[in-house]
Amino acid sequence: MTFPNDENGSVLAEMQEAGIDLSQPVIVEFFQLFEQQDNANALAQHITNSEMDVKVNVHPDQTPNVWDVDCQIEMIPSYDNIVAMEETFEKLARKFDGYNDGWGVHYA
């Protein structure tokens, strides 16, 4: 399988090379960053109250005065699915003065 020549494509290619079956659902974690804890909590509450099947975790970032909202969702990690979810989380984060800071997966 080939992927577009961008950051998402590179990560998916690395996953494939590591032996991950990209046709099967995995837990994908999307990272949102905020300068205000209240804004981070507001996004987390918004997602929790939504119809999205997402596990949300709010915690301080390693950078002082920055808060992370980590959003885990089980999905098939296709390029199109990843790009669509990044766009969704970027739009949501912007509503609360934050931004999407990428994604990753948990695998052994």
PDB file of N, CA and C in Angstrom:
ATOM      1  N   MET A   1       0.847  -1.167   0.000  1.00  0.00           N
ATOM      2  CA  MET A   1       0.000   0.000   0.000  1.00  0.00           C
ATOM      3  C   MET A   1       0.896   1.236   0.000  1.00  0.00           C
ATOM      4  N   THR A   2       0.557   2.222  -0.813  1.00  0.00           N
ATOM      5  CA  THR A   2       1.317   3.470  -0.844  1.00  0.00           C
ATOM      6  C   THR A   2       0.485   4.576  -0.213  1.00  0.00           C
ATOM      7  N   PHE A   3       1.182   5.587   0.276  1.00  0.00           N
ATOM      8  CA  PHE A   3       0.539   6.690   0.979  1.00  0.00           C
ATOM      9  C   PHE A   3       1.030   8.008   0.414  1.00  0.00           C
ATOM     10  N   PRO A   4       0.241   9.080   0.580  1.00  0.00           N
ATOM     11  CA  PRO A   4       0.705  10.402   0.157  1.00  0.00           C
ATOM     12  C   PRO A   4       2.011  10.774   0.858  1.00  0.00           C
ATOM     13  N   ASN A   5       2.777  11.626   0.204  1.00  0.00           N
ATOM     14  CA  ASN A   5       4.076  12.047   0.717  1.00  0.00           C
ATOM     15  C   ASN A   5       3.906  13.235   1.665  1.00  0.00           C
ATOM     16  N   ASP A   6       3.355  12.959   2.847  1.00  0.00           N
ATOM     17  CA  ASP A   6       3.223  13.976   3.882  1.00  0.00           C
ATOM     18  C   ASP A   6       3.386  13.293   5.239  1.00  0.00           C
ATOM     19  N   GLU A   7       3.229  14.057   6.306  1.00  0.00           N
ATOM     20  CA  GLU A   7       3.468  13.515   7.647  1.00  0.00           C
ATOM     21  C   GLU A   7       2.536  12.345   7.961  1.00  0.00           C
ATOM     22  N   ASN A   8       1.248  12.485   7.645  1.00  0.00           N
ATOM     23  CA  ASN A   8       0.311  11.391   7.908  1.00  0.00           C
ATOM     24  C   ASN A   8       0.673  10.148   7.105  1.00  0.00           C
ATOM     25  N   GLY A   9       1.014  10.342   5.848  1.00  0.00           N
ATOM     26  CA  GLY A   9       1.413   9.218   5.009  1.00  0.00           C
ATOM     27  C   GLY A   9       2.650   8.522   5.541  1.00  0.00           C
ATOM     28  N   SER A  10       3.610   9.307   6.032  1.00  0.00           N
ATOM     29  CA  SER A  10       4.839   8.728   6.592  1.00  0.00           C
ATOM     30  C   SER A  10       4.549   7.885   7.825  1.00  0.00           C
ATOM     31  N   VAL A  11       3.684   8.388   8.708  1.00  0.00           N
ATOM     32  CA  VAL A  11       3.350   7.634   9.918  1.00  0.00           C
ATOM     33  C   VAL A  11       2.629   6.340   9.553  1.00  0.00           C
ATOM     34  N   LEU A  12       1.690   6.414   8.619  1.00  0.00           N
ATOM     35  CA  LEU A  12       0.974   5.205   8.204  1.00  0.00           C
ATOM     36  C   LEU A  12       1.918   4.189   7.562  1.00  0.00           C
ATOM     37  N   ALA A  13       2.871   4.665   6.765  1.00  0.00           N
ATOM     38  CA  ALA A  13       3.854   3.760   6.156  1.00  0.00           C
ATOM     39  C   ALA A  13       4.698   3.085   7.238  1.00  0.00           C
ATOM     40  N   GLU A  14       5.095   3.841   8.271  1.00  0.00           N
ATOM     41  CA  GLU A  14       5.859   3.266   9.382  1.00  0.00           C
ATOM     42  C   GLU A  14       5.036   2.220  10.128  1.00  0.00           C
ATOM     43  N   MET A  15       3.756   2.503  10.315  1.00  0.00           N
ATOM     44  CA  MET A  15       2.879   1.543  10.986  1.00  0.00           C
ATOM     45  C   MET A  15       2.792   0.249  10.176  1.00  0.00           C
ATOM     46  N   GLN A  16       2.626   0.403   8.878  1.00  0.00           N
ATOM     47  CA  GLN A  16       2.535  -0.764   7.998  1.00  0.00           C
ATOM     48  C   GLN A  16       3.825  -1.578   8.039  1.00  0.00           C
ATOM     49  N   GLU A  17       4.967  -0.876   8.004  1.00  0.00           N
ATOM     50  CA  GLU A  17       6.265  -1.553   8.069  1.00  0.00           C
ATOM     51  C   GLU A  17       6.468  -2.266   9.402  1.00  0.00           C
ATOM     52  N   ALA A  18       5.845  -1.734  10.464  1.00  0.00           N
ATOM     53  CA  ALA A  18       5.951  -2.352  11.789  1.00  0.00           C
ATOM     54  C   ALA A  18       5.037  -3.569  11.922  1.00  0.00           C
ATOM     55  N   GLY A  19       4.270  -3.848  10.880  1.00  0.00           N
ATOM     56  CA  GLY A  19       3.418  -5.029  10.901  1.00  0.00           C
ATOM     57  C   GLY A  19       1.991  -4.795  11.344  1.00  0.00           C
ATOM     58  N   ILE A  20       1.588  -3.545  11.484  1.00  0.00           N
ATOM     59  CA  ILE A  20       0.213  -3.250  11.875  1.00  0.00           C
ATOM     60  C   ILE A  20      -0.693  -3.427  10.660  1.00  0.00           C
ATOM     61  N   ASP A  21      -1.787  -4.160  10.849  1.00  0.00           N
ATOM     62  CA  ASP A  21      -2.768  -4.375   9.789  1.00  0.00           C
ATOM     63  C   ASP A  21      -3.664  -3.138   9.724  1.00  0.00           C
ATOM     64  N   LEU A  22      -3.441  -2.294   8.736  1.00  0.00           N
ATOM     65  CA  LEU A  22      -4.166  -1.030   8.630  1.00  0.00           C
ATOM     66  C   LEU A  22      -5.609  -1.203   8.171  1.00  0.00           C
ATOM     67  N   SER A  23      -6.017  -2.434   7.900  1.00  0.00           N
ATOM     68  CA  SER A  23      -7.414  -2.679   7.539  1.00  0.00           C
ATOM     69  C   SER A  23      -8.254  -3.019   8.768  1.00  0.00           C
ATOM     70  N   GLN A  24      -7.596  -3.104   9.938  1.00  0.00           N
ATOM     71  CA  GLN A  24      -8.279  -3.435  11.189  1.00  0.00           C
ATOM     72  C   GLN A  24      -8.311  -2.212  12.109  1.00  0.00           C
ATOM     73  N   PRO A  25      -9.377  -2.075  12.905  1.00  0.00           N
ATOM     74  CA  PRO A  25      -9.456  -0.938  13.827  1.00  0.00           C
ATOM     75  C   PRO A  25      -8.325  -0.949  14.859  1.00  0.00           C
ATOM     76  N   VAL A  26      -7.828   0.230  15.179  1.00  0.00           N
ATOM     77  CA  VAL A  26      -6.846   0.433  16.244  1.00  0.00           C
ATOM     78  C   VAL A  26      -7.291   1.652  17.054  1.00  0.00           C
ATOM     79  N   ILE A  27      -6.699   1.839  18.223  1.00  0.00           N
ATOM     80  CA  ILE A  27      -6.963   3.036  19.021  1.00  0.00           C
ATOM     81  C   ILE A  27      -6.037   4.136  18.513  1.00  0.00           C
ATOM     82  N   VAL A  28      -6.640   5.192  17.972  1.00  0.00           N
ATOM     83  CA  VAL A  28      -5.882   6.344  17.488  1.00  0.00           C
ATOM     84  C   VAL A  28      -6.120   7.475  18.479  1.00  0.00           C
ATOM     85  N   GLU A  29      -5.041   8.141  18.879  1.00  0.00           N
ATOM     86  CA  GLU A  29      -5.129   9.234  19.848  1.00  0.00           C
ATOM     87  C   GLU A  29      -4.767  10.542  19.153  1.00  0.00           C
ATOM     88  N   PHE A  30      -5.690  11.491  19.222  1.00  0.00           N
ATOM     89  CA  PHE A  30      -5.492  12.817  18.644  1.00  0.00           C
ATOM     90  C   PHE A  30      -5.225  13.786  19.788  1.00  0.00           C
ATOM     91  N   PHE A  31      -4.228  14.651  19.603  1.00  0.00           N
ATOM     92  CA  PHE A  31      -3.758  15.536  20.664  1.00  0.00           C
ATOM     93  C   PHE A  31      -4.175  16.978  20.374  1.00  0.00           C
ATOM     94  N   GLN A  32      -4.831  17.612  21.367  1.00  0.00           N
ATOM     95  CA  GLN A  32      -5.199  19.027  21.268  1.00  0.00           C
ATOM     96  C   GLN A  32      -4.454  19.782  22.374  1.00  0.00           C
ATOM     97  N   LEU A  33      -3.989  20.984  22.060  1.00  0.00           N
ATOM     98  CA  LEU A  33      -3.252  21.790  23.047  1.00  0.00           C
ATOM     99  C   LEU A  33      -3.974  23.106  23.312  1.00  0.00           C
ATOM    100  N   PHE A  34      -3.888  23.550  24.579  1.00  0.00           N
ATOM    101  CA  PHE A  34      -4.554  24.774  25.024  1.00  0.00           C
ATOM    102  C   PHE A  34      -3.654  25.526  25.990  1.00  0.00           C
ATOM    103  N   GLU A  35      -3.752  26.847  25.966  1.00  0.00           N
ATOM    104  CA  GLU A  35      -3.013  27.670  26.922  1.00  0.00           C
ATOM    105  C   GLU A  35      -3.805  27.896  28.200  1.00  0.00           C
ATOM    106  N   GLN A  36      -5.104  27.630  28.169  1.00  0.00           N
ATOM    107  CA  GLN A  36      -5.960  27.831  29.337  1.00  0.00           C
ATOM    108  C   GLN A  36      -6.608  26.508  29.739  1.00  0.00           C
ATOM    109  N   GLN A  37      -6.472  26.143  30.996  1.00  0.00           N
ATOM    110  CA  GLN A  37      -7.062  24.899  31.482  1.00  0.00           C
ATOM    111  C   GLN A  37      -8.579  24.905  31.304  1.00  0.00           C
ATOM    112  N   ASP A  38      -9.223  26.048  31.537  1.00  0.00           N
ATOM    113  CA  ASP A  38     -10.679  26.120  31.376  1.00  0.00           C
ATOM    114  C   ASP A  38     -11.103  25.781  29.953  1.00  0.00           C
ATOM    115  N   ASN A  39     -10.333  26.229  28.968  1.00  0.00           N
ATOM    116  CA  ASN A  39     -10.659  25.931  27.572  1.00  0.00           C
ATOM    117  C   ASN A  39     -10.477  24.444  27.280  1.00  0.00           C
ATOM    118  N   ALA A  40      -9.413  23.865  27.826  1.00  0.00           N
ATOM    119  CA  ALA A  40      -9.179  22.428  27.650  1.00  0.00           C
ATOM    120  C   ALA A  40     -10.331  21.630  28.262  1.00  0.00           C
ATOM    121  N   ASN A  41     -10.736  22.015  29.459  1.00  0.00           N
ATOM    122  CA  ASN A  41     -11.850  21.327  30.115  1.00  0.00           C
ATOM    123  C   ASN A  41     -13.156  21.516  29.348  1.00  0.00           C
ATOM    124  N   ALA A  42     -13.344  22.702  28.773  1.00  0.00           N
ATOM    125  CA  ALA A  42     -14.565  22.962  27.998  1.00  0.00           C
ATOM    126  C   ALA A  42     -14.631  22.066  26.764  1.00  0.00           C
ATOM    127  N   LEU A  43     -13.506  21.899  26.070  1.00  0.00           N
ATOM    128  CA  LEU A  43     -13.501  20.996  24.917  1.00  0.00           C
ATOM    129  C   LEU A  43     -13.789  19.567  25.370  1.00  0.00           C
ATOM    130  N   ALA A  44     -13.137  19.137  26.428  1.00  0.00           N
ATOM    131  CA  ALA A  44     -13.351  17.774  26.924  1.00  0.00           C
ATOM    132  C   ALA A  44     -14.824  17.549  27.264  1.00  0.00           C
ATOM    133  N   GLN A  45     -15.441  18.515  27.914  1.00  0.00           N
ATOM    134  CA  GLN A  45     -16.861  18.393  28.267  1.00  0.00           C
ATOM    135  C   GLN A  45     -17.730  18.374  27.012  1.00  0.00           C
ATOM    136  N   HIS A  46     -17.393  19.215  26.046  1.00  0.00           N
ATOM    137  CA  HIS A  46     -18.139  19.258  24.781  1.00  0.00           C
ATOM    138  C   HIS A  46     -18.092  17.893  24.088  1.00  0.00           C
ATOM    139  N   ILE A  47     -16.919  17.300  24.009  1.00  0.00           N
ATOM    140  CA  ILE A  47     -16.778  15.995  23.356  1.00  0.00           C
ATOM    141  C   ILE A  47     -17.515  14.920  24.149  1.00  0.00           C
ATOM    142  N   THR A  48     -17.395  14.962  25.475  1.00  0.00           N
ATOM    143  CA  THR A  48     -18.074  13.985  26.323  1.00  0.00           C
ATOM    144  C   THR A  48     -19.587  14.051  26.135  1.00  0.00           C
ATOM    145  N   ASN A  49     -20.117  15.256  25.957  1.00  0.00           N
ATOM    146  CA  ASN A  49     -21.556  15.442  25.785  1.00  0.00           C
ATOM    147  C   ASN A  49     -22.024  15.173  24.357  1.00  0.00           C
ATOM    148  N   SER A  50     -21.093  14.998  23.443  1.00  0.00           N
ATOM    149  CA  SER A  50     -21.450  14.804  22.035  1.00  0.00           C
ATOM    150  C   SER A  50     -21.778  13.338  21.767  1.00  0.00           C
ATOM    151  N   GLU A  51     -22.132  13.076  20.539  1.00  0.00           N
ATOM    152  CA  GLU A  51     -22.441  11.708  20.110  1.00  0.00           C
ATOM    153  C   GLU A  51     -21.173  10.942  19.731  1.00  0.00           C
ATOM    154  N   MET A  52     -20.028  11.592  19.777  1.00  0.00           N
ATOM    155  CA  MET A  52     -18.777  10.939  19.394  1.00  0.00           C
ATOM    156  C   MET A  52     -18.408   9.871  20.422  1.00  0.00           C
ATOM    157  N   ASP A  53     -17.932   8.731  19.942  1.00  0.00           N
ATOM    158  CA  ASP A  53     -17.477   7.655  20.821  1.00  0.00           C
ATOM    159  C   ASP A  53     -15.974   7.833  21.043  1.00  0.00           C
ATOM    160  N   VAL A  54     -15.643   8.768  21.938  1.00  0.00           N
ATOM    161  CA  VAL A  54     -14.261   9.182  22.154  1.00  0.00           C
ATOM    162  C   VAL A  54     -13.952   9.158  23.645  1.00  0.00           C
ATOM    163  N   LYS A  55     -12.803   8.604  24.001  1.00  0.00           N
ATOM    164  CA  LYS A  55     -12.302   8.661  25.374  1.00  0.00           C
ATOM    165  C   LYS A  55     -11.423   9.902  25.474  1.00  0.00           C
ATOM    166  N   VAL A  56     -11.693  10.755  26.467  1.00  0.00           N
ATOM    167  CA  VAL A  56     -11.005  12.042  26.589  1.00  0.00           C
ATOM    168  C   VAL A  56     -10.209  12.090  27.891  1.00  0.00           C
ATOM    169  N   ASN A  57      -8.982  12.613  27.800  1.00  0.00           N
ATOM    170  CA  ASN A  57      -8.125  12.783  28.969  1.00  0.00           C
ATOM    171  C   ASN A  57      -7.507  14.179  28.919  1.00  0.00           C
ATOM    172  N   VAL A  58      -7.725  14.966  29.976  1.00  0.00           N
ATOM    173  CA  VAL A  58      -7.138  16.306  30.091  1.00  0.00           C
ATOM    174  C   VAL A  58      -6.005  16.232  31.103  1.00  0.00           C
ATOM    175  N   HIS A  59      -4.842  16.799  30.736  1.00  0.00           N
ATOM    176  CA  HIS A  59      -3.704  16.782  31.656  1.00  0.00           C
ATOM    177  C   HIS A  59      -2.737  17.907  31.295  1.00  0.00           C
ATOM    178  N   PRO A  60      -1.902  18.323  32.267  1.00  0.00           N
ATOM    179  CA  PRO A  60      -0.904  19.353  31.967  1.00  0.00           C
ATOM    180  C   PRO A  60       0.113  18.824  30.958  1.00  0.00           C
ATOM    181  N   ASP A  61       0.531  19.688  30.057  1.00  0.00           N
ATOM    182  CA  ASP A  61       1.572  19.355  29.087  1.00  0.00           C
ATOM    183  C   ASP A  61       2.934  19.464  29.772  1.00  0.00           C
ATOM    184  N   GLN A  62       3.967  18.966  29.109  1.00  0.00           N
ATOM    185  CA  GLN A  62       5.330  19.128  29.627  1.00  0.00           C
ATOM    186  C   GLN A  62       5.749  20.594  29.586  1.00  0.00           C
ATOM    187  N   THR A  63       5.168  21.335  28.649  1.00  0.00           N
ATOM    188  CA  THR A  63       5.435  22.768  28.552  1.00  0.00           C
ATOM    189  C   THR A  63       4.610  23.485  29.617  1.00  0.00           C
ATOM    190  N   PRO A  64       5.220  24.362  30.409  1.00  0.00           N
ATOM    191  CA  PRO A  64       4.460  25.071  31.439  1.00  0.00           C
ATOM    192  C   PRO A  64       3.294  25.865  30.841  1.00  0.00           C
ATOM    193  N   ASN A  65       2.189  25.901  31.574  1.00  0.00           N
ATOM    194  CA  ASN A  65       1.003  26.672  31.200  1.00  0.00           C
ATOM    195  C   ASN A  65       0.362  26.206  29.901  1.00  0.00           C
ATOM    196  N   VAL A  66       0.528  24.937  29.572  1.00  0.00           N
ATOM    197  CA  VAL A  66      -0.129  24.342  28.406  1.00  0.00           C
ATOM    198  C   VAL A  66      -0.854  23.091  28.877  1.00  0.00           C
ATOM    199  N   TRP A  67      -2.069  22.901  28.356  1.00  0.00           N
ATOM    200  CA  TRP A  67      -2.904  21.755  28.724  1.00  0.00           C
ATOM    201  C   TRP A  67      -3.176  20.902  27.503  1.00  0.00           C
ATOM    202  N   ASP A  68      -3.103  19.591  27.693  1.00  0.00           N
ATOM    203  CA  ASP A  68      -3.390  18.621  26.630  1.00  0.00           C
ATOM    204  C   ASP A  68      -4.792  18.056  26.808  1.00  0.00           C
ATOM    205  N   VAL A  69      -5.476  17.874  25.687  1.00  0.00           N
ATOM    206  CA  VAL A  69      -6.709  17.096  25.653  1.00  0.00           C
ATOM    207  C   VAL A  69      -6.443  15.961  24.672  1.00  0.00           C
ATOM    208  N   ASP A  70      -6.266  14.768  25.199  1.00  0.00           N
ATOM    209  CA  ASP A  70      -5.993  13.591  24.374  1.00  0.00           C
ATOM    210  C   ASP A  70      -7.313  12.880  24.107  1.00  0.00           C
ATOM    211  N   CYS A  71      -7.584  12.641  22.838  1.00  0.00           N
ATOM    212  CA  CYS A  71      -8.855  12.052  22.416  1.00  0.00           C
ATOM    213  C   CYS A  71      -8.588  10.722  21.732  1.00  0.00           C
ATOM    214  N   GLN A  72      -9.027   9.640  22.358  1.00  0.00           N
ATOM    215  CA  GLN A  72      -8.816   8.300  21.808  1.00  0.00           C
ATOM    216  C   GLN A  72     -10.092   7.804  21.142  1.00  0.00           C
ATOM    217  N   ILE A  73      -9.925   7.286  19.926  1.00  0.00           N
ATOM    218  CA  ILE A  73     -11.058   6.752  19.182  1.00  0.00           C
ATOM    219  C   ILE A  73     -10.618   5.488  18.456  1.00  0.00           C
ATOM    220  N   GLU A  74     -11.465   4.476  18.492  1.00  0.00           N
ATOM    221  CA  GLU A  74     -11.163   3.251  17.757  1.00  0.00           C
ATOM    222  C   GLU A  74     -11.629   3.440  16.322  1.00  0.00           C
ATOM    223  N   MET A  75     -10.707   3.221  15.380  1.00  0.00           N
ATOM    224  CA  MET A  75     -11.032   3.439  13.976  1.00  0.00           C
ATOM    225  C   MET A  75     -10.080   2.670  13.081  1.00  0.00           C
ATOM    226  N   ILE A  76     -10.487   2.486  11.837  1.00  0.00           N
ATOM    227  CA  ILE A  76      -9.584   1.929  10.835  1.00  0.00           C
ATOM    228  C   ILE A  76      -8.658   3.066  10.422  1.00  0.00           C
ATOM    229  N   PRO A  77      -7.337   2.886  10.561  1.00  0.00           N
ATOM    230  CA  PRO A  77      -6.402   3.990  10.333  1.00  0.00           C
ATOM    231  C   PRO A  77      -6.056   4.204   8.857  1.00  0.00           C
ATOM    232  N   SER A  78      -7.072   4.452   8.053  1.00  0.00           N
ATOM    233  CA  SER A  78      -6.801   4.787   6.650  1.00  0.00           C
ATOM    234  C   SER A  78      -6.372   6.249   6.578  1.00  0.00           C
ATOM    235  N   TYR A  79      -5.692   6.587   5.515  1.00  0.00           N
ATOM    236  CA  TYR A  79      -5.248   7.971   5.338  1.00  0.00           C
ATOM    237  C   TYR A  79      -6.444   8.919   5.396  1.00  0.00           C
ATOM    238  N   ASP A  80      -7.496   8.602   4.640  1.00  0.00           N
ATOM    239  CA  ASP A  80      -8.668   9.484   4.592  1.00  0.00           C
ATOM    240  C   ASP A  80      -9.340   9.615   5.953  1.00  0.00           C
ATOM    241  N   ASN A  81      -9.433   8.506   6.698  1.00  0.00           N
ATOM    242  CA  ASN A  81     -10.037   8.564   8.031  1.00  0.00           C
ATOM    243  C   ASN A  81      -9.223   9.441   8.975  1.00  0.00           C
ATOM    244  N   ILE A  82      -7.901   9.303   8.929  1.00  0.00           N
ATOM    245  CA  ILE A  82      -7.028  10.102   9.801  1.00  0.00           C
ATOM    246  C   ILE A  82      -7.167  11.584   9.475  1.00  0.00           C
ATOM    247  N   VAL A  83      -7.096  11.928   8.190  1.00  0.00           N
ATOM    248  CA  VAL A  83      -7.205  13.334   7.781  1.00  0.00           C
ATOM    249  C   VAL A  83      -8.560  13.907   8.200  1.00  0.00           C
ATOM    250  N   ALA A  84      -9.625  13.147   8.001  1.00  0.00           N
ATOM    251  CA  ALA A  84     -10.963  13.625   8.369  1.00  0.00           C
ATOM    252  C   ALA A  84     -11.075  13.864   9.873  1.00  0.00           C
ATOM    253  N   MET A  85     -10.538  12.948  10.692  1.00  0.00           N
ATOM    254  CA  MET A  85     -10.616  13.132  12.143  1.00  0.00           C
ATOM    255  C   MET A  85      -9.741  14.287  12.602  1.00  0.00           C
ATOM    256  N   GLU A  86      -8.571  14.452  11.989  1.00  0.00           N
ATOM    257  CA  GLU A  86      -7.729  15.607  12.341  1.00  0.00           C
ATOM    258  C   GLU A  86      -8.471  16.905  12.060  1.00  0.00           C
ATOM    259  N   GLU A  87      -9.143  16.972  10.924  1.00  0.00           N
ATOM    260  CA  GLU A  87      -9.908  18.177  10.584  1.00  0.00           C
ATOM    261  C   GLU A  87     -11.034  18.402  11.585  1.00  0.00           C
ATOM    262  N   THR A  88     -11.713  17.332  11.971  1.00  0.00           N
ATOM    263  CA  THR A  88     -12.794  17.445  12.955  1.00  0.00           C
ATOM    264  C   THR A  88     -12.266  17.973  14.282  1.00  0.00           C
ATOM    265  N   PHE A  89     -11.178  17.379  14.775  1.00  0.00           N
ATOM    266  CA  PHE A  89     -10.631  17.819  16.057  1.00  0.00           C
ATOM    267  C   PHE A  89     -10.038  19.224  15.968  1.00  0.00           C
ATOM    268  N   GLU A  90      -9.455  19.589  14.835  1.00  0.00           N
ATOM    269  CA  GLU A  90      -8.930  20.951  14.668  1.00  0.00           C
ATOM    270  C   GLU A  90     -10.066  21.966  14.778  1.00  0.00           C
ATOM    271  N   LYS A  91     -11.175  21.704  14.109  1.00  0.00           N
ATOM    272  CA  LYS A  91     -12.325  22.621  14.173  1.00  0.00           C
ATOM    273  C   LYS A  91     -12.858  22.723  15.595  1.00  0.00           C
ATOM    274  N   LEU A  92     -12.978  21.584  16.274  1.00  0.00           N
ATOM    275  CA  LEU A  92     -13.458  21.606  17.658  1.00  0.00           C
ATOM    276  C   LEU A  92     -12.496  22.355  18.568  1.00  0.00           C
ATOM    277  N   ALA A  93     -11.209  22.080  18.450  1.00  0.00           N
ATOM    278  CA  ALA A  93     -10.219  22.738  19.309  1.00  0.00           C
ATOM    279  C   ALA A  93     -10.237  24.250  19.098  1.00  0.00           C
ATOM    280  N   ARG A  94     -10.356  24.688  17.852  1.00  0.00           N
ATOM    281  CA  ARG A  94     -10.381  26.129  17.567  1.00  0.00           C
ATOM    282  C   ARG A  94     -11.551  26.824  18.245  1.00  0.00           C
ATOM    283  N   LYS A  95     -12.688  26.128  18.357  1.00  0.00           N
ATOM    284  CA  LYS A  95     -13.855  26.719  19.030  1.00  0.00           C
ATOM    285  C   LYS A  95     -13.537  27.086  20.473  1.00  0.00           C
ATOM    286  N   PHE A  96     -12.543  26.413  21.046  1.00  0.00           N
ATOM    287  CA  PHE A  96     -12.179  26.635  22.444  1.00  0.00           C
ATOM    288  C   PHE A  96     -10.762  27.199  22.571  1.00  0.00           C
ATOM    289  N   ASP A  97     -10.304  27.879  21.521  1.00  0.00           N
ATOM    290  CA  ASP A  97      -8.991  28.546  21.493  1.00  0.00           C
ATOM    291  C   ASP A  97      -7.817  27.584  21.669  1.00  0.00           C
ATOM    292  N   GLY A  98      -7.919  26.415  21.065  1.00  0.00           N
ATOM    293  CA  GLY A  98      -6.824  25.453  21.067  1.00  0.00           C
ATOM    294  C   GLY A  98      -6.508  25.032  19.644  1.00  0.00           C
ATOM    295  N   TYR A  99      -5.663  24.020  19.521  1.00  0.00           N
ATOM    296  CA  TYR A  99      -5.341  23.513  18.189  1.00  0.00           C
ATOM    297  C   TYR A  99      -4.968  22.038  18.263  1.00  0.00           C
ATOM    298  N   ASN A 100      -5.146  21.354  17.138  1.00  0.00           N
ATOM    299  CA  ASN A 100      -4.772  19.950  17.018  1.00  0.00           C
ATOM    300  C   ASN A 100      -3.261  19.862  16.886  1.00  0.00           C
ATOM    301  N   ASP A 101      -2.660  18.910  17.602  1.00  0.00           N
ATOM    302  CA  ASP A 101      -1.206  18.764  17.585  1.00  0.00           C
ATOM    303  C   ASP A 101      -0.782  17.367  17.141  1.00  0.00           C
ATOM    304  N   GLY A 102      -1.563  16.777  16.225  1.00  0.00           N
ATOM    305  CA  GLY A 102      -1.167  15.498  15.663  1.00  0.00           C
ATOM    306  C   GLY A 102      -1.885  14.321  16.277  1.00  0.00           C
ATOM    307  N   TRP A 103      -1.339  13.131  15.995  1.00  0.00           N
ATOM    308  CA  TRP A 103      -1.970  11.892  16.423  1.00  0.00           C
ATOM    309  C   TRP A 103      -0.930  10.791  16.554  1.00  0.00           C
ATOM    310  N   GLY A 104      -1.352   9.709  17.171  1.00  0.00           N
ATOM    311  CA  GLY A 104      -0.508   8.529  17.303  1.00  0.00           C
ATOM    312  C   GLY A 104      -1.374   7.329  17.617  1.00  0.00           C
ATOM    313  N   VAL A 105      -0.759   6.166  17.674  1.00  0.00           N
ATOM    314  CA  VAL A 105      -1.489   4.942  18.007  1.00  0.00           C
ATOM    315  C   VAL A 105      -0.772   4.214  19.134  1.00  0.00           C
ATOM    316  N   HIS A 106      -1.524   3.373  19.822  1.00  0.00           N
ATOM    317  CA  HIS A 106      -0.964   2.519  20.866  1.00  0.00           C
ATOM    318  C   HIS A 106      -0.907   1.106  20.319  1.00  0.00           C
ATOM    319  N   TYR A 107       0.289   0.557  20.230  1.00  0.00           N
ATOM    320  CA  TYR A 107       0.434  -0.830  19.801  1.00  0.00           C
ATOM    321  C   TYR A 107       1.687  -1.420  20.422  1.00  0.00           C
ATOM    322  N   ALA A 108       1.698  -2.746  20.521  1.00  0.00           N
ATOM    323  CA  ALA A 108       2.832  -3.432  21.161  1.00  0.00           C
ATOM    324  C   ALA A 108       3.934  -3.682  20.163  1.00  0.00           C
TER     325      ALA A 108
END
